[in-house]
Structures are given as C-alpha cells and as structure tokens.
Amino acid sequence: MPVTLISKPHKRTIFALIFALYLPSTALAYGIKSGGDTSTNKQGSNAFSMPANNLPLSKRLDFSVGNSFFRNPWVAAPATTDARDGLGPLFNTNGCQNCHIKDGRGHPPEEGEDQAVSMLVRLSIPALTAKQKQQLVISGVIPEPMYGDQLEDFAIPNAKPEGKIKIEYSKFNVRFSDGETIELRKPSIKLHDLNYGELHPDTMLSARIAPPMIGLGLLESISVETLQNIADQQQRDNKGISGKLNQVWDVQTKSTQVGRFGWKAGQPSAIQQDAGAFNGDLGLTSALFPHENCSPQQTICAEMPNGNRANNAAANEVNSTEDYEVSNKILKFVEFYSQHLAVPIRRNTTDPSVIRGQQLFENVGCASCHTPEIKTAQSDELPSLSNQTIHPYSDLLLHDMGEGLADNRPEFLATGSEWRTPPLWGIGYTEEVNGHSYFLHDGRARNLMEAVLWHGGEAQSAKEQVLNLSKADRDALTDFLNSL
C-alpha cells in the first residue's frame, strides 16, 4: 500500500485543530470576525479604512461623505472653501487623518523632534477649591488657567502657537526568568517656547497618541447593563481585577453618562468624541462645543478671523447650528463615518503558535480585562451594528495600572493611575497600516512585549507570569496578539 505523505503546512493545520480541542471553552469563543458581520477582509495599509461589511449600499455615500471631512485638511478663514474653513487660530493638526493616520494609531515624536503631529499633551491643575471640585462634574478636569486642557503647538499665519513639545526618555532593562532582558523606556514631557506666559506651577501633563478609529460604533452599541455586568463579574471572581465605569458629562443631554472613548474613557459617545477633537485639536466650533479653544486669558481667538457663517460672528453669537465652523450636517456625517469603520478579520488563527498564545492569554489573566467576547444591543438607529457578537478584547472599564503607567492626572472618576482597557482588535495590523509599532497611551512601548511589561497594578500578576514564560511561550503570546 502506498504511503501518503502529509505536507508540513497540512501537518500544522491538523496539529492546530487537534490542539484546539483541548483549549478552554472561553478561548474557543474567540472569533475570526472580530467585528461580527461588520468585519472586513481587507488587508494592507487600508485595512482600517473600510466601511462595515454589512453596511447597505444606500448608506455607503454617507460613509464616503464623512470620510471626506475626516480625511481632507481644513483651512484658515476666510477662504473660498467655506465648508471647510475656520481652522485654529490655535491647533494641533489641520485634519483628522493627520493624527489617526489611515484611521489608525498615532505615534510620539522621535527623540530630538519638537513637533508632535499625531500626539498631544493634556494639561490640568488639581481641583482644590469647592468651586473647582464642583466643576469636575461637568469638565472632568480643571484646565490650566492660561493654556486650557490641551497644548496647541501649531497656529495659523500671523498667530503664535502655544508652545512646542519634546519627549525625552530614560531607559532601563527588565529581565525574564530565563535570563533574557528587554529594554523599556519611560517618557518625560518637556514643554518649551511657550508664547502665552508661564504654566501654573502645579500643572499636570499627560501625553496621548491618537488611537485607532476601527469599531467605535460597535463599542458605542454595547449596553451599559452589559458593561456593568462585566464589572460585577470581575468583583465576584475576586482575582484582584476591579474595573469601573467612568461617569462623564454628556453635553447633548446635559447629564452624566457612562464614558466609553478616550484613553481614560472621558467621552460618552462617538459624536462628542468627534466634536471634542474638532474643537481641541483643530480649533473648530460646533453646536456641541460652540466656543473656540482659547482660554479666557487668551485674546487671540477673538482677534483672528473665524469660519462661522453669520457674518463671521464670534462663536457665542451665532444663531443657527449651521453657522458653526463644523455644521450639524457635517458633524453627523463624520459621526456616521467613525461609527462604521470596520474591524479587519483575524489572521493565522490555525497556526499552532497562535493557538498556544491564545491559551496563554487566557491562562495568565489577560482576558480578565481584555474581554474576548461581547454582544452589542439592539438599535433601530444603527441596524448594521445591532446584535453583533464582537471580539474587542476590552471591557471599556477603568483599571488601576500601577505607578509605572500613571500620568497622575485624574479625569472625571479616573484616577491618575487608572486607564480604560484599550481594545486589542486589529492590533496586529499596526505595522502595515501605520508603519510603526508604538503602543500604550503615549507610545512609549516599541513593540507588543514592551507594552505587556509596562502593565502593573491590577495587571501585576499577569505581568509576573509573562516574565516567567519560556522564550517559545513569549513568542506564542506575541503571535496571538499579532493575529488579532
């Protein structure tokens, strides 16, 4: 009887299928389609820029219009392109895509550079008085008196930027149990060439790179009850994991709502996240944020032209939601676009190393916060995002990540060492979409293993287990993350 030889690729596939039979049921639940029916098969540099796969053709035009306002640059007023004028006078960038490059992840400036094109620095001071503490309910932070809650390092012609940003790093080694070492770097923020006076002596700084845009509408479609149930389950499990929901101010409903977006879950909705970025990053007004991004002490916004329609009136004098620099119509298109950016499918899911890494991800405790599977709620307004079984690898909850990652800057209920669990879906596409592999809120990690080893606080036990893994198991864990 002739002998049938099995090729190496087929051997790996068979081994993977057999190995999968012995995985925990929770690990088996991890899906290939991370975004459910919205997932895209697109790969390469545009993997983050595709519409939800189940979005009807009748809605694709709305997506494309939103994309145009997200992608194309805005200009200073007055301009012939009056639908896209009003930039600044102070700003961080002139277009959303400049930070969310190809709808992906931003990066810090390289050492020696002093312009942070896809990274910004948040500013605030401690709330000390009774009035300031009451203000936290609405603002979440107390802005720095002269520069506000964000440093703008660009300005339109005939205006001066607020200052420049420089990042310096101190470096140290961490040793695995097998003797191999890895270098970590800790950033230090330096602000210089300040053009509007000295900073308050108690100013708190926090660098933030732009996060990927994929799957935002799916995250927005998770019910509050589902998120609270995850938090309650973490408490019942009694494993040292105790996530909590941030409670933030919703400017549309004028009430406190659950925070979902931003590194500390400081925004309640996609439209408020979008409008806040238009205002803080580009200096553009909207119905949600009708005032330009100057502090009360800065007169430059009143002195320079703006893009409001009503006879170029000041932002607080416009009479219609269409008079703002970002009209309601434009804002809704951008909201629709940001809600329906698809999550790309997972890759290499039958690779034995990926399957082994998936098991390790579960065993060391990563999945306690990076929740593998959630179902979105029913929504008549967003039918493509309704009732989807998704795999974001996030619980959207705040967790104490320890002193190493702390920025010591509170935001609403988030303390100076608490961060929202960032979704991991699509993380393996970062290199091909954005040409780099910088991770964490300030881009300090230069690869996935560095990001893992910055975990502390509630994740300290998981990090220590990773430090004790063999080289083969560490590679498997990284392979799994890169498969997402």
Protein backbone atom coordinates (compact mmCIF):
# COMPACT_ATOMS: atom_id res chain seq x y z
CA MET A 1 0.00 0.00 0.00
CA PRO A 2 1.49 3.36 -0.98
CA VAL A 3 2.36 5.78 1.78
CA THR A 4 0.67 9.20 1.59
CA LEU A 5 2.94 11.98 2.75
CA ILE A 6 1.38 14.97 4.51
CA SER A 7 2.99 18.30 3.69
CA LYS A 8 4.27 20.49 6.53
CA PRO A 9 1.52 23.12 6.14
CA HIS A 10 -1.14 20.42 6.38
CA LYS A 11 0.61 18.90 9.40
CA ARG A 12 0.50 22.28 11.13
CA THR A 13 -3.19 22.66 10.33
CA ILE A 14 -4.04 19.18 11.63
CA PHE A 15 -1.99 19.78 14.77
CA ALA A 16 -3.75 23.10 15.32
CA LEU A 17 -7.18 21.53 15.01
CA ILE A 18 -6.29 18.75 17.42
CA PHE A 19 -4.72 21.22 19.84
CA ALA A 20 -7.83 23.40 19.71
CA LEU A 21 -9.94 20.54 21.05
CA TYR A 22 -8.11 20.83 24.36
CA LEU A 23 -8.41 24.61 24.71
CA PRO A 24 -10.73 26.07 27.37
CA SER A 25 -14.20 26.89 26.04
CA THR A 26 -13.60 30.59 26.67
CA ALA A 27 -10.61 30.52 24.37
CA LEU A 28 -12.58 28.67 21.68
CA ALA A 29 -15.08 31.53 21.74
CA TYR A 30 -12.53 33.96 20.29
CA GLY A 31 -13.77 34.72 16.81
CA ILE A 32 -12.11 35.22 13.45
CA LYS A 33 -14.56 38.02 12.64
CA SER A 34 -13.65 40.39 15.46
CA GLY A 35 -16.35 42.86 14.43
CA GLY A 36 -19.05 40.27 13.79
CA ASP A 37 -20.87 40.78 10.49
CA THR A 38 -19.29 44.23 10.15
CA SER A 39 -15.78 42.73 9.80
CA THR A 40 -13.76 43.39 6.66
CA ASN A 41 -11.40 41.04 4.83
CA LYS A 42 -9.29 44.00 3.70
CA GLN A 43 -5.57 43.76 4.46
CA GLY A 44 -2.62 46.02 3.82
CA SER A 45 -2.28 49.74 4.53
CA ASN A 46 -6.01 50.45 4.13
CA ALA A 47 -7.19 47.69 6.46
CA PHE A 48 -8.63 50.23 8.95
CA SER A 49 -10.38 52.41 6.36
CA MET A 50 -13.19 50.17 5.13
CA PRO A 51 -16.92 50.56 5.82
CA ALA A 52 -18.75 47.95 7.88
CA ASN A 53 -19.11 44.91 5.64
CA ASN A 54 -22.87 44.71 6.23
CA LEU A 55 -23.50 48.42 5.63
CA PRO A 56 -26.16 48.74 2.88
CA LEU A 57 -25.16 50.35 -0.40
CA SER A 58 -27.70 53.08 0.29
CA LYS A 59 -25.59 54.17 3.27
CA ARG A 60 -22.17 53.95 1.63
CA LEU A 61 -22.48 57.52 0.31
CA ASP A 62 -22.96 58.86 3.85
CA PHE A 63 -19.82 56.96 4.85
CA SER A 64 -17.86 58.44 1.93
CA VAL A 65 -19.00 62.00 2.69
CA GLY A 66 -17.97 61.59 6.34
CA ASN A 67 -14.65 60.20 5.17
CA SER A 68 -14.01 63.29 3.04
CA PHE A 69 -14.42 65.64 6.00
CA PHE A 70 -12.31 63.34 8.17
CA ARG A 71 -9.53 62.95 5.61
CA ASN A 72 -9.16 66.35 3.89
CA PRO A 73 -7.43 69.32 5.53
CA TRP A 74 -9.25 72.33 6.96
CA VAL A 75 -8.02 75.83 6.18
CA ALA A 76 -7.92 79.18 7.93
CA ALA A 77 -10.80 81.62 7.41
CA PRO A 78 -11.76 83.45 5.34
CA ALA A 79 -11.48 81.05 2.41
CA THR A 80 -13.36 80.14 -0.74
CA THR A 81 -13.82 76.63 0.65
CA ASP A 82 -16.23 77.90 3.30
CA ALA A 83 -17.49 74.40 4.16
CA ARG A 84 -14.02 73.55 5.41
CA ASP A 85 -12.64 76.81 6.78
CA GLY A 86 -12.17 78.14 10.30
CA LEU A 87 -9.03 76.22 11.30
CA GLY A 88 -7.48 77.43 14.55
CA PRO A 89 -6.22 80.01 15.27
CA LEU A 90 -4.57 77.52 17.63
CA PHE A 91 -4.49 73.86 16.68
CA ASN A 92 -2.61 70.56 16.81
CA THR A 93 -3.33 69.46 13.25
CA ASN A 94 -5.33 70.62 10.22
CA GLY A 95 -7.05 67.29 9.51
CA CYS A 96 -8.30 64.28 11.45
CA GLN A 97 -6.31 61.83 9.31
CA ASN A 98 -3.06 63.57 10.27
CA CYS A 99 -3.38 62.11 13.76
CA HIS A 100 -5.42 58.98 13.00
CA ILE A 101 -3.16 58.10 10.09
CA LYS A 102 -5.11 55.86 7.68
CA ASP A 103 -7.67 55.68 10.53
CA GLY A 104 -5.01 54.02 12.66
CA ARG A 105 -2.67 54.72 15.51
CA GLY A 106 -0.62 57.86 16.11
CA HIS A 107 2.97 57.96 17.33
CA PRO A 108 5.14 60.14 19.56
CA PRO A 109 7.81 62.42 18.10
CA GLU A 110 11.18 60.80 17.66
CA GLU A 111 13.87 61.74 20.14
CA GLY A 112 15.13 65.23 19.34
CA GLU A 113 11.96 66.29 17.46
CA ASP A 114 9.79 69.04 18.97
CA GLN A 115 6.62 68.72 16.89
CA ALA A 116 4.16 66.01 17.86
CA VAL A 117 1.96 65.66 14.77
CA SER A 118 -0.09 62.66 15.95
CA MET A 119 0.37 63.10 19.69
CA LEU A 120 -0.90 65.82 22.01
CA VAL A 121 -0.35 66.82 25.62
CA ARG A 122 -3.27 67.19 28.03
CA LEU A 123 -2.99 69.87 30.73
CA SER A 124 -4.82 70.43 34.00
CA ILE A 125 -4.30 71.53 37.58
CA PRO A 126 -5.55 69.94 40.82
CA ALA A 127 -9.05 70.80 42.00
CA LEU A 128 -8.53 72.46 45.37
CA THR A 129 -11.44 74.83 46.00
CA ALA A 130 -15.08 73.84 46.50
CA LYS A 131 -15.98 75.59 43.23
CA GLN A 132 -13.31 73.68 41.32
CA LYS A 133 -14.42 70.36 42.75
CA GLN A 134 -17.99 71.11 41.72
CA GLN A 135 -16.75 71.98 38.23
CA LEU A 136 -15.28 68.48 37.85
CA VAL A 137 -18.78 67.04 37.39
CA ILE A 138 -19.03 68.81 34.02
CA SER A 139 -15.45 69.35 32.86
CA GLY A 140 -13.75 66.29 34.38
CA VAL A 141 -10.56 68.33 34.89
CA ILE A 142 -9.60 71.86 35.88
CA PRO A 143 -7.86 73.35 32.82
CA GLU A 144 -4.53 75.09 33.18
CA PRO A 145 -5.51 78.79 33.57
CA MET A 146 -3.67 80.16 30.50
CA TYR A 147 -3.33 77.19 28.15
CA GLY A 148 -6.53 75.27 28.83
CA ASP A 149 -6.72 71.49 28.90
CA GLN A 150 -4.52 70.84 25.85
CA LEU A 151 -1.38 72.42 24.42
CA GLU A 152 -1.78 73.53 20.78
CA ASP A 153 1.63 73.51 19.12
CA PHE A 154 0.53 75.00 15.75
CA ALA A 155 -1.15 78.25 14.73
CA ILE A 156 -2.47 79.91 11.59
CA PRO A 157 -0.40 82.66 9.90
CA ASN A 158 0.03 85.83 12.00
CA ALA A 159 -0.64 83.87 15.18
CA LYS A 160 1.74 82.19 17.59
CA PRO A 161 1.35 78.56 18.70
CA GLU A 162 1.08 77.95 22.42
CA GLY A 163 4.43 76.19 22.53
CA LYS A 164 6.41 73.15 21.48
CA ILE A 165 6.51 69.59 22.80
CA LYS A 166 9.61 67.50 23.29
CA ILE A 167 9.79 63.95 24.65
CA GLU A 168 12.88 62.61 26.40
CA TYR A 169 13.30 59.01 27.54
CA SER A 170 15.01 57.27 30.41
CA LYS A 171 15.72 53.61 29.71
CA PHE A 172 16.09 50.52 31.86
CA ASN A 173 16.18 46.76 31.43
CA VAL A 174 13.72 44.13 32.62
CA ARG A 175 14.85 40.52 32.95
CA PHE A 176 12.83 37.41 32.13
CA SER A 177 13.25 34.32 34.31
CA ASP A 178 15.34 32.62 31.60
CA GLY A 179 17.88 35.47 31.70
CA GLU A 180 16.87 37.33 28.55
CA THR A 181 16.44 41.08 29.01
CA ILE A 182 14.30 43.67 27.29
CA GLU A 183 14.77 47.44 27.34
CA LEU A 184 11.86 49.66 28.38
CA ARG A 185 11.78 53.44 28.01
CA LYS A 186 9.92 55.93 30.19
CA PRO A 187 8.98 59.28 28.61
CA SER A 188 9.39 62.70 30.15
CA ILE A 189 7.41 65.59 28.64
CA LYS A 190 9.17 68.89 28.08
CA LEU A 191 7.18 71.98 27.02
CA HIS A 192 9.24 74.89 25.70
CA ASP A 193 8.98 78.12 23.71
CA LEU A 194 5.72 78.96 25.47
CA ASN A 195 4.20 82.08 23.88
CA TYR A 196 1.43 82.97 26.34
CA GLY A 197 3.15 83.02 29.71
CA GLU A 198 4.33 80.52 32.27
CA LEU A 199 2.45 77.36 33.17
CA HIS A 200 0.75 77.11 36.53
CA PRO A 201 3.31 75.56 38.93
CA ASP A 202 1.01 72.62 39.68
CA THR A 203 0.27 71.78 36.04
CA MET A 204 -0.22 68.07 35.34
CA LEU A 205 0.86 66.82 31.90
CA SER A 206 -0.21 63.71 30.03
CA ALA A 207 0.91 62.74 26.53
CA ARG A 208 -1.67 60.97 24.34
CA ILE A 209 -1.21 59.39 20.92
CA ALA A 210 -4.24 59.06 18.64
CA PRO A 211 -5.90 55.63 18.99
CA PRO A 212 -7.24 53.60 16.02
CA MET A 213 -10.72 54.51 14.77
CA ILE A 214 -11.98 50.99 13.98
CA GLY A 215 -15.06 49.57 15.69
CA LEU A 216 -16.12 52.72 17.53
CA GLY A 217 -19.79 52.28 16.66
CA LEU A 218 -19.74 48.70 17.94
CA LEU A 219 -18.26 49.83 21.25
CA GLU A 220 -20.90 52.55 21.45
CA SER A 221 -23.59 49.90 20.85
CA ILE A 222 -22.70 47.83 23.92
CA SER A 223 -25.37 48.38 26.57
CA VAL A 224 -24.49 49.95 29.91
CA GLU A 225 -26.04 46.91 31.58
CA THR A 226 -23.60 44.61 29.75
CA LEU A 227 -20.61 46.71 30.82
CA GLN A 228 -21.84 46.85 34.43
CA ASN A 229 -22.32 43.07 34.42
CA ILE A 230 -18.69 42.64 33.36
CA ALA A 231 -17.57 44.89 36.22
CA ASP A 232 -19.74 42.97 38.68
CA GLN A 233 -18.36 39.63 37.46
CA GLN A 234 -14.80 40.86 37.97
CA GLN A 235 -15.66 41.66 41.57
CA ARG A 236 -17.23 38.22 42.09
CA ASP A 237 -14.20 36.47 40.58
CA ASN A 238 -12.06 38.01 43.35
CA LYS A 239 -8.84 37.86 41.31
CA GLY A 240 -7.67 41.38 42.07
CA ILE A 241 -9.41 42.80 38.98
CA SER A 242 -11.91 45.55 39.76
CA GLY A 243 -12.87 47.59 36.73
CA LYS A 244 -15.26 50.51 36.99
CA LEU A 245 -17.24 52.64 34.57
CA ASN A 246 -16.22 56.25 34.20
CA GLN A 247 -19.09 58.71 34.62
CA VAL A 248 -18.68 61.74 32.36
CA TRP A 249 -20.63 64.78 31.20
CA ASP A 250 -22.74 64.46 28.05
CA VAL A 251 -23.06 67.94 26.52
CA GLN A 252 -26.11 66.97 24.43
CA THR A 253 -28.24 65.51 27.23
CA LYS A 254 -26.68 67.77 29.87
CA SER A 255 -26.37 64.81 32.19
CA THR A 256 -23.81 62.34 33.47
CA GLN A 257 -23.40 59.26 31.27
CA VAL A 258 -21.05 56.29 31.04
CA GLY A 259 -17.69 57.12 29.45
CA ARG A 260 -16.54 54.88 26.60
CA PHE A 261 -13.97 56.71 24.45
CA GLY A 262 -10.55 58.17 25.07
CA TRP A 263 -7.62 56.74 27.00
CA LYS A 264 -9.43 57.36 30.29
CA ALA A 265 -12.97 56.86 28.91
CA GLY A 266 -13.60 60.59 29.16
CA GLN A 267 -16.17 60.83 26.34
CA PRO A 268 -19.65 59.24 26.33
CA SER A 269 -20.36 58.99 22.60
CA ALA A 270 -18.76 58.95 19.17
CA ILE A 271 -20.29 62.31 18.21
CA GLN A 272 -18.97 64.02 21.34
CA GLN A 273 -15.56 62.45 20.78
CA ASP A 274 -15.59 63.76 17.20
CA ALA A 275 -16.81 67.24 18.15
CA GLY A 276 -14.31 67.43 21.01
CA ALA A 277 -11.46 66.57 18.64
CA PHE A 278 -12.63 69.12 16.08
CA ASN A 279 -12.62 71.72 18.85
CA GLY A 280 -9.49 70.84 20.81
CA ASP A 281 -7.30 69.52 18.00
CA LEU A 282 -8.35 71.72 15.05
CA GLY A 283 -9.82 74.77 16.79
CA LEU A 284 -13.24 74.34 15.14
CA THR A 285 -16.58 75.20 16.69
CA SER A 286 -19.76 73.11 16.57
CA ALA A 287 -23.13 73.01 18.29
CA LEU A 288 -21.62 70.71 20.93
CA PHE A 289 -18.56 72.92 21.53
CA PRO A 290 -19.54 76.43 20.37
CA HIS A 291 -16.51 78.29 21.73
CA GLU A 292 -13.06 78.27 20.19
CA ASN A 293 -10.27 76.58 22.11
CA CYS A 294 -8.73 79.65 23.73
CA SER A 295 -8.65 80.09 27.46
CA PRO A 296 -10.40 83.19 28.92
CA GLN A 297 -6.95 84.80 29.26
CA GLN A 298 -6.09 84.33 25.57
CA THR A 299 -7.47 87.06 23.31
CA ILE A 300 -6.18 85.59 20.04
CA CYS A 301 -9.42 83.74 19.20
CA ALA A 302 -11.41 86.99 19.34
CA GLU A 303 -8.77 88.87 17.36
CA MET A 304 -8.37 86.44 14.45
CA PRO A 305 -10.96 85.63 11.73
CA ASN A 306 -13.08 82.51 12.19
CA GLY A 307 -15.21 80.37 9.92
CA ASN A 308 -18.62 80.92 11.47
CA ARG A 309 -21.24 81.69 8.86
CA ALA A 310 -23.22 84.50 10.48
CA ASN A 311 -21.23 87.49 9.19
CA ASN A 312 -18.12 85.99 10.71
CA ALA A 313 -19.60 86.49 14.17
CA ALA A 314 -17.94 85.36 17.35
CA ALA A 315 -18.68 81.75 18.25
CA ASN A 316 -21.04 82.69 21.06
CA GLU A 317 -23.11 84.96 18.79
CA VAL A 318 -24.10 82.54 16.03
CA ASN A 319 -27.83 81.92 15.65
CA SER A 320 -28.04 78.56 13.88
CA THR A 321 -26.43 75.14 14.25
CA GLU A 322 -25.40 75.54 10.60
CA ASP A 323 -23.50 78.74 11.42
CA TYR A 324 -20.74 76.92 13.28
CA GLU A 325 -17.46 76.03 11.61
CA VAL A 326 -18.48 72.36 11.75
CA SER A 327 -22.18 72.37 10.91
CA ASN A 328 -24.53 69.77 12.38
CA LYS A 329 -24.79 68.19 8.94
CA ILE A 330 -21.02 67.76 8.64
CA LEU A 331 -20.73 66.54 12.22
CA LYS A 332 -23.38 63.87 11.63
CA PHE A 333 -21.57 62.66 8.51
CA VAL A 334 -18.30 62.36 10.45
CA GLU A 335 -20.12 60.60 13.29
CA PHE A 336 -21.58 58.07 10.84
CA TYR A 337 -18.15 57.51 9.32
CA SER A 338 -16.45 56.98 12.67
CA GLN A 339 -19.22 54.63 13.82
CA HIS A 340 -19.00 52.38 10.76
CA LEU A 341 -15.26 51.91 10.23
CA ALA A 342 -14.87 48.13 10.05
CA VAL A 343 -12.61 45.95 12.15
CA PRO A 344 -10.43 43.66 9.99
CA ILE A 345 -10.65 39.90 10.45
CA ARG A 346 -8.12 37.92 12.47
CA ARG A 347 -5.30 36.12 10.67
CA ASN A 348 -3.23 32.96 11.17
CA THR A 349 -5.81 31.51 13.54
CA THR A 350 -4.82 27.90 12.81
CA ASP A 351 -1.12 28.48 13.42
CA PRO A 352 -0.09 26.29 16.40
CA SER A 353 1.90 29.15 17.96
CA VAL A 354 -1.13 31.47 17.71
CA ILE A 355 -3.37 28.84 19.29
CA ARG A 356 -0.82 28.30 22.08
CA GLY A 357 -0.61 32.07 22.60
CA GLN A 358 -4.38 32.28 22.79
CA GLN A 359 -4.37 29.75 25.61
CA LEU A 360 -1.59 31.62 27.42
CA PHE A 361 -3.50 34.90 27.04
CA GLU A 362 -6.34 33.26 28.94
CA ASN A 363 -4.18 31.42 31.48
CA VAL A 364 -2.09 34.38 32.67
CA GLY A 365 -5.20 36.51 33.15
CA CYS A 366 -5.07 38.97 30.23
CA ALA A 367 -8.67 38.14 29.27
CA SER A 368 -9.91 39.31 32.68
CA CYS A 369 -9.78 42.90 31.38
CA HIS A 370 -9.31 42.38 27.65
CA THR A 371 -12.73 40.74 27.37
CA PRO A 372 -12.75 38.47 24.30
CA GLU A 373 -16.45 38.42 23.50
CA ILE A 374 -19.34 40.86 23.94
CA LYS A 375 -22.71 41.25 22.23
CA THR A 376 -23.98 44.64 21.10
CA ALA A 377 -27.52 45.78 21.88
CA GLN A 378 -30.48 46.13 19.54
CA SER A 379 -30.60 49.52 17.82
CA ASP A 380 -33.08 50.69 15.21
CA GLU A 381 -30.89 53.73 14.52
CA LEU A 382 -27.74 51.68 13.79
CA PRO A 383 -29.06 48.38 12.37
CA SER A 384 -25.69 47.28 10.94
CA LEU A 385 -24.19 47.42 14.44
CA SER A 386 -27.11 45.74 16.24
CA ASN A 387 -26.98 42.34 17.93
CA GLN A 388 -23.42 41.67 16.82
CA THR A 389 -21.21 39.17 18.63
CA ILE A 390 -17.89 41.00 18.67
CA HIS A 391 -14.39 40.34 19.98
CA PRO A 392 -12.92 43.69 21.05
CA TYR A 393 -10.62 42.34 23.79
CA SER A 394 -11.74 45.21 26.02
CA ASP A 395 -14.23 45.74 28.80
CA LEU A 396 -14.21 49.58 28.37
CA LEU A 397 -13.69 49.78 32.13
CA LEU A 398 -11.16 51.77 34.11
CA HIS A 399 -8.42 49.76 35.81
CA ASP A 400 -5.55 50.77 38.06
CA MET A 401 -2.43 50.04 36.01
CA GLY A 402 0.11 50.90 38.69
CA GLU A 403 2.66 53.61 39.21
CA GLY A 404 4.72 52.78 36.11
CA LEU A 405 1.96 53.82 33.70
CA ALA A 406 0.43 56.52 35.91
CA ASP A 407 0.21 60.03 34.49
CA ASN A 408 -1.05 61.28 37.90
CA ARG A 409 -3.75 63.28 36.10
CA PRO A 410 -7.36 62.46 37.11
CA GLU A 411 -10.22 62.74 34.60
CA PHE A 412 -13.79 62.53 35.90
CA LEU A 413 -13.77 59.34 38.04
CA ALA A 414 -10.50 58.05 36.58
CA THR A 415 -7.61 58.46 38.99
CA GLY A 416 -4.06 59.31 37.95
CA SER A 417 -3.19 55.62 37.64
CA GLU A 418 -6.41 54.36 36.01
CA TRP A 419 -6.86 53.76 32.29
CA ARG A 420 -9.62 52.36 30.12
CA THR A 421 -8.78 48.89 28.78
CA PRO A 422 -7.86 49.62 25.14
CA PRO A 423 -9.43 47.30 22.55
CA LEU A 424 -6.88 44.92 21.03
CA TRP A 425 -8.78 44.08 17.84
CA GLY A 426 -6.73 44.94 14.79
CA ILE A 427 -3.53 45.45 16.80
CA GLY A 428 -1.63 43.03 14.56
CA TYR A 429 -2.24 45.33 11.58
CA THR A 430 -0.46 48.33 13.14
CA GLU A 431 2.84 47.91 11.32
CA GLU A 432 1.34 47.60 7.85
CA VAL A 433 -1.25 50.37 8.36
CA ASN A 434 0.91 52.90 10.19
CA GLY A 435 4.49 51.79 9.58
CA HIS A 436 5.38 51.59 13.27
CA SER A 437 4.70 49.53 16.36
CA TYR A 438 4.36 52.15 19.12
CA PHE A 439 1.78 51.24 21.77
CA LEU A 440 0.22 52.46 25.04
CA HIS A 441 -1.29 55.89 25.65
CA ASP A 442 1.93 57.80 24.99
CA GLY A 443 3.60 55.44 22.52
CA ARG A 444 6.40 54.52 24.92
CA ALA A 445 6.24 50.81 24.03
CA ARG A 446 8.05 49.99 20.79
CA ASN A 447 6.56 46.53 20.45
CA LEU A 448 3.85 44.39 22.00
CA MET A 449 6.05 42.71 24.61
CA GLU A 450 7.22 46.10 25.90
CA ALA A 451 3.55 47.11 26.21
CA VAL A 452 2.79 43.95 28.23
CA LEU A 453 5.70 44.58 30.60
CA TRP A 454 4.51 48.11 31.42
CA HIS A 455 1.38 46.60 32.99
CA GLY A 456 1.19 46.90 36.76
CA GLY A 457 -1.44 47.46 39.42
CA GLU A 458 -4.34 45.12 38.75
CA ALA A 459 -2.29 43.51 35.93
CA GLN A 460 0.81 42.92 38.07
CA SER A 461 0.11 39.20 38.48
CA ALA A 462 -0.35 38.72 34.73
CA LYS A 463 2.89 40.57 34.01
CA GLU A 464 4.83 38.43 36.51
CA GLN A 465 3.52 35.29 34.85
CA VAL A 466 4.67 36.59 31.47
CA LEU A 467 8.13 37.26 32.93
CA ASN A 468 8.27 33.58 33.89
CA LEU A 469 7.25 32.25 30.47
CA SER A 470 9.76 30.47 28.25
CA LYS A 471 11.01 32.20 25.11
CA ALA A 472 8.78 29.95 22.99
CA ASP A 473 5.72 30.83 25.05
CA ARG A 474 6.50 34.56 24.94
CA ASP A 475 6.74 34.33 21.17
CA ALA A 476 3.44 32.44 21.09
CA LEU A 477 1.73 35.14 23.14
CA THR A 478 3.02 37.78 20.74
CA ASP A 479 1.92 35.68 17.77
CA PHE A 480 -1.59 35.54 19.20
CA LEU A 481 -1.73 39.32 19.68
CA ASN A 482 -0.48 39.82 16.14
CA SER A 483 -3.28 37.54 14.89
CA LEU A 484 -5.93 39.97 16.14
